Protein backbone atom coordinates (compact mmCIF):
# COMPACT_ATOMS: atom_id res chain seq x y z
CA MET A 1 53.64 44.38 7.26
CA ALA A 2 52.84 43.21 10.79
CA ASP A 3 49.88 45.59 10.96
CA THR A 4 48.58 44.26 7.62
CA ASN A 5 48.78 40.63 8.82
CA GLN A 6 47.09 41.60 12.04
CA ASP A 7 44.29 43.33 10.13
CA ASP A 8 43.83 40.22 7.94
CA ILE A 9 43.62 37.97 10.99
CA GLY A 10 41.19 40.36 12.61
CA ASN A 11 38.94 40.33 9.57
CA GLN A 12 39.05 36.55 9.43
CA VAL A 13 38.12 36.28 13.10
CA GLN A 14 35.21 38.70 12.66
CA THR A 15 33.96 36.69 9.68
CA LEU A 16 34.28 33.44 11.63
CA ILE A 17 32.33 34.88 14.57
CA GLN A 18 29.56 36.22 12.33
CA ARG A 19 29.25 32.97 10.40
CA THR A 20 29.14 30.96 13.63
CA ILE A 21 26.30 33.16 14.89
CA ASP A 22 24.45 32.96 11.58
CA ARG A 23 25.00 29.22 11.34
CA ASN A 24 23.40 28.56 14.72
CA ILE A 25 20.51 31.00 14.29
CA LYS A 26 19.75 29.78 10.77
CA GLY A 27 20.13 26.17 11.87
CA LEU A 28 17.10 26.63 14.14
CA GLU A 29 15.22 28.34 11.32
CA TYR A 30 16.05 25.42 9.01
CA PHE A 31 14.24 22.89 11.18
CA ARG A 32 11.33 25.20 12.01
CA SER A 33 10.61 26.37 8.47
CA PRO A 34 7.92 24.69 6.31
CA LYS A 35 8.71 22.26 3.49
CA PRO A 36 9.89 24.21 0.43
CA LYS A 37 7.66 24.45 -2.62
CA LEU A 38 8.96 22.78 -5.75
CA GLY A 39 7.74 22.72 -9.33
CA VAL A 40 6.14 26.18 -9.38
CA THR A 41 6.43 26.90 -13.12
CA PRO A 42 2.83 27.20 -14.44
CA LYS A 43 1.56 24.02 -16.08
CA ASP A 44 -1.64 22.21 -16.97
CA LEU A 45 -2.53 18.56 -16.33
CA ILE A 46 -3.69 17.29 -19.74
CA PHE A 47 -3.83 13.53 -19.16
CA GLU A 48 -3.68 11.08 -16.27
CA ARG A 49 -3.94 7.34 -15.85
CA GLY A 50 -3.45 6.16 -12.27
CA THR A 51 0.21 6.65 -11.38
CA LEU A 52 0.89 8.59 -14.61
CA LYS A 53 0.43 12.36 -14.97
CA LEU A 54 1.11 14.28 -18.19
CA TYR A 55 1.70 18.02 -17.86
CA HIS A 56 1.99 20.78 -20.43
CA TYR A 57 3.97 23.83 -19.34
CA ARG A 58 2.66 27.22 -20.41
CA PRO A 59 4.87 28.92 -23.03
CA GLN A 60 7.16 31.76 -21.95
CA ALA A 61 8.53 32.88 -25.33
CA ASP A 62 6.93 34.68 -28.27
CA GLU A 63 8.37 32.28 -30.86
CA ILE A 64 8.20 28.52 -30.25
CA TYR A 65 10.24 25.78 -31.93
CA ARG A 66 8.15 23.43 -34.05
CA VAL A 67 9.10 20.14 -32.35
CA PRO A 68 7.72 19.75 -28.80
CA LEU A 69 9.78 18.21 -25.98
CA LEU A 70 8.45 15.37 -23.83
CA LEU A 71 10.37 14.87 -20.57
CA VAL A 72 10.17 11.39 -19.04
CA MET A 73 10.90 11.36 -15.31
CA ALA A 74 12.44 8.43 -13.44
CA THR A 75 9.79 6.28 -11.76
CA THR A 76 11.36 6.57 -8.30
CA ASN A 77 10.88 10.33 -7.88
CA ARG A 78 8.68 13.23 -8.88
CA GLY A 79 9.53 15.45 -11.83
CA SER A 80 10.05 18.58 -9.73
CA ILE A 81 13.82 18.06 -10.11
CA PHE A 82 13.29 19.49 -13.61
CA ASP A 83 11.67 22.55 -12.02
CA LEU A 84 13.55 23.03 -8.77
CA MET A 85 13.09 26.77 -8.30
CA PRO A 86 12.98 29.93 -10.42
CA GLY A 87 16.41 30.60 -11.90
CA HIS A 88 17.47 27.00 -11.30
CA SER A 89 14.82 25.24 -13.36
CA LEU A 90 15.50 23.21 -16.50
CA VAL A 91 11.85 23.59 -17.50
CA GLU A 92 11.99 27.36 -17.09
CA PHE A 93 15.21 27.50 -19.13
CA LEU A 94 13.68 25.47 -21.97
CA LEU A 95 10.48 27.54 -22.00
CA LYS A 96 12.39 30.83 -22.14
CA SER A 97 14.57 29.37 -24.90
CA GLY A 98 11.44 28.86 -27.00
CA TYR A 99 10.56 25.19 -26.56
CA ASP A 100 7.11 23.65 -26.11
CA VAL A 101 7.58 21.48 -23.00
CA TYR A 102 5.59 18.50 -21.71
CA MET A 103 6.43 16.13 -18.85
CA MET A 104 5.50 12.59 -17.87
CA ASP A 105 5.42 12.61 -14.07
CA TRP A 106 4.45 10.00 -11.50
CA GLU A 107 2.39 9.61 -8.36
CA ALA A 108 2.50 6.67 -5.97
CA PRO A 109 0.93 3.65 -7.68
CA LEU A 110 -2.33 2.54 -6.09
CA PRO A 111 -2.67 -1.00 -4.66
CA HIS A 112 -4.43 -2.29 -7.78
CA GLU A 113 -1.58 -0.93 -9.95
CA LYS A 114 0.76 -3.56 -8.55
CA THR A 115 0.15 -5.44 -11.83
CA LEU A 116 1.78 -2.70 -13.95
CA THR A 117 4.76 -4.14 -15.82
CA LEU A 118 7.74 -2.75 -17.67
CA ALA A 119 5.62 -3.16 -20.81
CA ASP A 120 2.92 -0.86 -19.36
CA TYR A 121 5.42 1.94 -18.89
CA THR A 122 7.11 1.55 -22.29
CA ALA A 123 4.47 0.12 -24.63
CA ARG A 124 1.42 1.95 -23.22
CA PHE A 125 2.22 4.98 -21.08
CA ILE A 126 4.79 6.57 -23.41
CA PRO A 127 2.74 6.01 -26.62
CA GLU A 128 -0.38 7.40 -24.92
CA CYS A 129 1.49 10.53 -23.83
CA ILE A 130 3.04 11.01 -27.26
CA GLU A 131 -0.46 10.88 -28.79
CA ARG A 132 -1.68 13.57 -26.34
CA VAL A 133 1.33 15.77 -27.13
CA GLN A 134 0.70 15.39 -30.85
CA GLU A 135 -2.97 16.30 -30.42
CA ARG A 136 -2.26 19.35 -28.27
CA SER A 137 0.71 20.67 -30.26
CA GLY A 138 -0.58 19.83 -33.73
CA GLU A 139 2.83 18.34 -34.58
CA ASP A 140 3.66 14.77 -35.51
CA ASP A 141 7.33 14.93 -34.45
CA ILE A 142 8.44 14.67 -30.82
CA THR A 143 11.74 15.02 -28.98
CA LEU A 144 11.86 12.45 -26.17
CA ILE A 145 14.04 13.33 -23.15
CA GLY A 146 14.56 10.78 -20.37
CA TYR A 147 16.30 11.12 -17.00
CA CYS A 148 17.81 8.08 -15.24
CA MET A 149 15.20 5.28 -15.40
CA GLY A 150 13.08 7.65 -17.47
CA GLY A 151 15.92 7.43 -19.97
CA VAL A 152 15.79 3.63 -19.82
CA LEU A 153 12.04 3.71 -20.54
CA SER A 154 12.64 6.15 -23.42
CA VAL A 155 15.39 3.98 -24.92
CA ILE A 156 13.22 0.87 -24.68
CA TYR A 157 10.29 2.66 -26.32
CA GLN A 158 12.39 4.03 -29.16
CA ALA A 159 14.14 0.69 -29.72
CA MET A 160 10.69 -0.84 -30.26
CA HIS A 161 9.46 2.01 -32.50
CA PRO A 162 12.49 3.11 -34.57
CA ASP A 163 10.25 4.52 -37.32
CA GLY A 164 7.76 6.16 -34.95
CA PRO A 165 7.08 9.83 -34.15
CA VAL A 166 10.25 10.48 -32.11
CA LYS A 167 12.48 12.85 -34.10
CA ASN A 168 15.23 13.23 -31.48
CA LEU A 169 16.20 11.26 -28.38
CA ILE A 170 18.03 12.70 -25.36
CA THR A 171 19.01 10.79 -22.23
CA PHE A 172 20.64 11.93 -18.98
CA THR A 173 22.52 9.60 -16.60
CA THR A 174 20.80 6.56 -18.05
CA PRO A 175 21.97 3.11 -16.87
CA THR A 176 22.69 0.64 -19.67
CA ASP A 177 25.21 -1.84 -18.32
CA PHE A 178 23.49 -2.82 -15.09
CA SER A 179 26.42 -5.01 -14.06
CA LYS A 180 28.24 -1.75 -13.26
CA MET A 181 25.54 -0.48 -10.90
CA GLU A 182 27.74 -1.44 -7.93
CA MET A 183 25.76 -1.09 -4.69
CA PHE A 184 22.47 -1.91 -6.40
CA ASN A 185 23.98 -5.20 -7.54
CA VAL A 186 24.91 -5.98 -3.94
CA PHE A 187 21.45 -4.96 -2.73
CA THR A 188 19.57 -7.06 -5.32
CA ALA A 189 21.96 -10.01 -5.61
CA LYS A 190 20.11 -13.23 -6.47
CA GLU A 191 21.57 -15.20 -3.57
CA HIS A 192 19.76 -13.09 -0.96
CA PHE A 193 17.22 -10.86 -2.74
CA ASP A 194 14.00 -12.85 -3.23
CA VAL A 195 12.13 -10.47 -5.51
CA ASP A 196 9.35 -12.98 -6.20
CA ARG A 197 8.56 -13.43 -2.51
CA LEU A 198 8.69 -9.66 -1.97
CA VAL A 199 6.31 -8.77 -4.81
CA ASP A 200 4.00 -11.76 -4.33
CA THR A 201 3.60 -10.90 -0.64
CA ILE A 202 3.23 -7.12 -0.56
CA GLY A 203 2.49 -6.04 -4.15
CA ASN A 204 3.91 -2.55 -4.66
CA VAL A 205 7.41 -2.02 -3.30
CA PRO A 206 7.23 0.61 -0.50
CA SER A 207 9.01 3.92 -0.90
CA GLU A 208 10.86 3.26 2.39
CA MET A 209 12.56 0.23 0.86
CA VAL A 210 13.41 2.15 -2.31
CA PHE A 211 14.87 4.96 -0.19
CA GLN A 212 16.95 2.54 1.88
CA GLY A 213 18.30 0.96 -1.30
CA PHE A 214 19.41 4.38 -2.52
CA SER A 215 20.79 5.38 0.87
CA MET A 216 23.00 2.29 1.17
CA ARG A 217 25.01 3.21 -1.89
CA THR A 218 27.00 6.14 -0.43
CA PRO A 219 26.63 6.56 3.35
CA VAL A 220 29.93 8.48 3.54
CA SER A 221 28.94 11.00 0.88
CA GLN A 222 25.60 11.58 2.62
CA ALA A 223 27.41 12.37 5.86
CA ALA A 224 29.69 14.72 3.93
CA ALA A 225 26.65 16.48 2.43
CA THR A 226 25.24 17.06 5.91
CA ALA A 227 28.58 18.47 7.02
CA ARG A 228 28.62 20.82 4.01
CA LEU A 229 25.15 22.01 4.94
CA TYR A 230 26.29 22.84 8.46
CA ASP A 231 29.39 24.63 7.19
CA ASN A 232 27.28 26.71 4.80
CA MET A 233 24.29 27.32 7.08
CA TRP A 234 25.14 31.03 7.04
CA ASN A 235 24.75 31.09 3.23
CA ASP A 236 21.06 31.62 2.40
CA ALA A 237 21.44 30.73 -1.30
CA PHE A 238 23.24 27.48 -0.51
CA VAL A 239 20.70 26.47 2.15
CA ASP A 240 17.74 27.27 -0.10
CA SER A 241 19.12 25.14 -2.93
CA TYR A 242 20.08 22.31 -0.54
CA ARG A 243 16.63 22.24 1.04
CA LYS A 244 14.89 21.99 -2.32
CA VAL A 245 17.13 19.19 -3.61
CA ASP A 246 16.84 17.35 -0.30
CA ALA A 247 13.05 17.72 -0.26
CA TRP A 248 12.91 16.22 -3.75
CA ALA A 249 15.38 13.42 -2.97
CA VAL A 250 13.62 12.13 0.14
CA ASP A 251 10.18 12.25 -1.48
CA MET A 252 10.61 8.86 -3.12
CA LEU A 253 7.77 6.89 -4.66
CA PRO A 254 6.73 3.27 -4.24
CA LEU A 255 7.25 1.12 -7.32
CA ALA A 256 4.59 -1.01 -8.99
CA GLY A 257 5.27 -4.62 -8.00
CA GLU A 258 5.42 -6.30 -11.41
CA TYR A 259 7.42 -3.39 -12.84
CA PHE A 260 9.93 -3.84 -10.02
CA ARG A 261 10.07 -7.59 -10.67
CA ASP A 262 10.67 -6.99 -14.39
CA THR A 263 13.42 -4.41 -13.88
CA THR A 264 15.15 -6.55 -11.26
CA LYS A 265 15.17 -9.72 -13.35
CA LYS A 266 15.47 -8.42 -16.90
CA LEU A 267 17.72 -5.42 -16.31
CA MET A 268 19.63 -5.86 -13.04
CA TRP A 269 20.12 -9.65 -13.20
CA ASP A 270 20.12 -10.50 -16.91
CA ASN A 271 21.35 -7.15 -18.31
CA GLU A 272 19.03 -7.57 -21.30
CA LEU A 273 19.17 -3.91 -22.39
CA LEU A 274 22.94 -4.14 -22.86
CA THR A 275 22.79 -7.48 -24.66
CA GLY A 276 19.93 -6.43 -26.94
CA LYS A 277 17.74 -9.32 -25.79
CA LEU A 278 15.04 -7.41 -23.90
CA ASP A 279 11.65 -8.80 -24.95
CA VAL A 280 8.69 -6.48 -24.36
CA GLU A 281 5.45 -8.19 -25.36
CA GLY A 282 7.10 -10.01 -28.24
CA LYS A 283 9.14 -7.04 -29.48
CA ILE A 284 12.91 -6.96 -28.97
CA ALA A 285 14.02 -3.61 -27.53
CA ASP A 286 17.57 -3.51 -28.89
CA PRO A 287 19.19 -0.03 -28.67
CA ARG A 288 20.93 -0.83 -31.96
CA ASN A 289 17.53 -0.30 -33.63
CA ILE A 290 17.59 3.40 -32.72
CA THR A 291 18.56 5.62 -35.67
CA VAL A 292 17.20 9.08 -34.76
CA PRO A 293 19.57 11.90 -33.67
CA PHE A 294 20.74 11.03 -30.16
CA LEU A 295 22.30 13.05 -27.34
CA HIS A 296 23.57 11.25 -24.24
CA ALA A 297 24.68 13.21 -21.15
CA VAL A 298 26.82 11.49 -18.51
CA ALA A 299 27.93 12.80 -15.11
CA LEU A 300 31.57 12.20 -14.33
CA HIS A 301 31.01 11.90 -10.57
CA ASP A 302 27.64 10.12 -10.55
CA ASP A 303 27.46 7.83 -7.49
CA LEU A 304 24.01 6.50 -8.43
CA VAL A 305 24.55 5.63 -12.11
CA PRO A 306 28.33 5.40 -12.48
CA TYR A 307 29.93 6.51 -15.73
CA GLU A 308 30.79 2.88 -16.50
CA ALA A 309 27.09 1.93 -16.30
CA SER A 310 25.87 4.77 -18.52
CA HIS A 311 28.67 5.22 -21.07
CA PRO A 312 28.02 2.03 -23.13
CA LEU A 313 24.73 3.45 -24.42
CA ILE A 314 26.42 5.79 -26.90
CA SER A 315 28.12 2.90 -28.69
CA LEU A 316 25.01 0.68 -28.61
CA VAL A 317 22.65 3.16 -30.25
CA GLY A 318 22.62 2.72 -34.03
CA SER A 319 22.23 6.42 -34.91
CA GLU A 320 24.78 8.07 -37.19
CA ASP A 321 23.98 11.47 -35.67
CA LYS A 322 24.86 10.84 -32.04
CA GLU A 323 26.86 12.63 -29.38
CA GLU A 324 27.89 11.98 -25.81
CA ILE A 325 28.76 14.81 -23.46
CA VAL A 326 30.59 14.01 -20.24
CA LEU A 327 30.26 16.76 -17.65
CA LYS A 328 31.50 17.39 -14.15
CA GLY A 329 28.87 16.82 -11.53
CA GLY A 330 26.76 14.15 -9.91
CA HIS A 331 23.48 12.44 -10.65
CA VAL A 332 21.37 15.43 -9.58
CA SER A 333 23.71 18.36 -10.18
CA LEU A 334 24.05 17.34 -13.83
CA VAL A 335 20.41 18.31 -14.49
CA ALA A 336 19.49 20.72 -11.68
CA GLY A 337 21.00 23.76 -10.04
CA ALA A 338 23.67 26.34 -10.81
CA ASN A 339 26.20 23.98 -12.39
CA ALA A 340 23.58 22.46 -14.71
CA ALA A 341 22.59 25.97 -15.83
CA LYS A 342 26.19 26.59 -16.89
CA ARG A 343 26.99 23.18 -18.40
CA LEU A 344 24.23 20.83 -19.51
CA TRP A 345 21.39 23.21 -20.31
CA PRO A 346 23.27 25.41 -22.81
CA ALA A 347 24.82 22.32 -24.45
CA MET A 348 21.40 20.70 -24.83
CA ASP A 349 19.88 23.91 -26.20
CA ALA A 350 22.66 24.24 -28.79
CA TRP A 351 22.13 20.61 -29.85
CA LEU A 352 18.35 20.94 -30.03
CA GLN A 353 18.04 24.20 -31.94
CA GLU A 354 18.68 22.98 -35.49
CA ARG A 355 16.93 19.66 -34.79
CA SER A 356 13.71 21.30 -33.54
CA LEU A 357 12.80 23.28 -36.66
């Protein structure tokens, strides 16, 4: 028995020594290596208008479902989170499952695009992209899929066009009750956050300010993530995944000035999406108007859009065919990476199959 314990301790010590060596060698490699490539699944740019880019991914299955999917990315980041890396790509999964996939992605708005409003994103950009998808696919029906603020834009669009071309609506980690957005409420509180002065003075809101706003929400968890990286520096698979998520997360985009003013006042301050009073160019965007099949995915441990901020959407939407799935994970791990491949993606595929014929 003593020999067995001694052997176990010896093996543990050898493993510790090897991992310590690997951790330090690979730590140097981590900082010397080039920025990882994201979004490598083949695609074609089929439409662009300033900050907006519409991509069509090339099919990867012999038989394709009739109803195409249009992904709507959050305006703060690029859509590569949907296509992180081969084997850990939502886009790749959907293509191989037989779906025709399109994505609304964003670039940094140019100085003259500071005048873009919430109405531009919901009443112009989304309809224009839907028209291009219809033309290219030859189908009238569309499934609209929005992530985070992309989900908010999708909900607003559909609430204004309940009898339009959208056949199905899917949202991930989509804020609805903005009073529950915790740190963002502190950051943008009326008593100290002069959004009018900010936008009137500088126009587009710089990406550095957006990044700082996100970073303030969970400084402890960010330190913990760095510690986990160090502990797992010996693990090539972990480091590769971490680097790609981190590269996506820090590559934040500026926000169009008037759009930022609208979202701050109408959503963060007045909570008009929750109350059903959001007026977009004379149309009321009330989620209760939505009647198409609806799937809402919520992350149980989301520190960006807490469960309490996202959960009310399922009860607001007027659809009879609606479902909420609450999954373990955070804001990013819900949609990207190994856990998403086991949890959200198969659940979404199962939900979509019969509704995409």
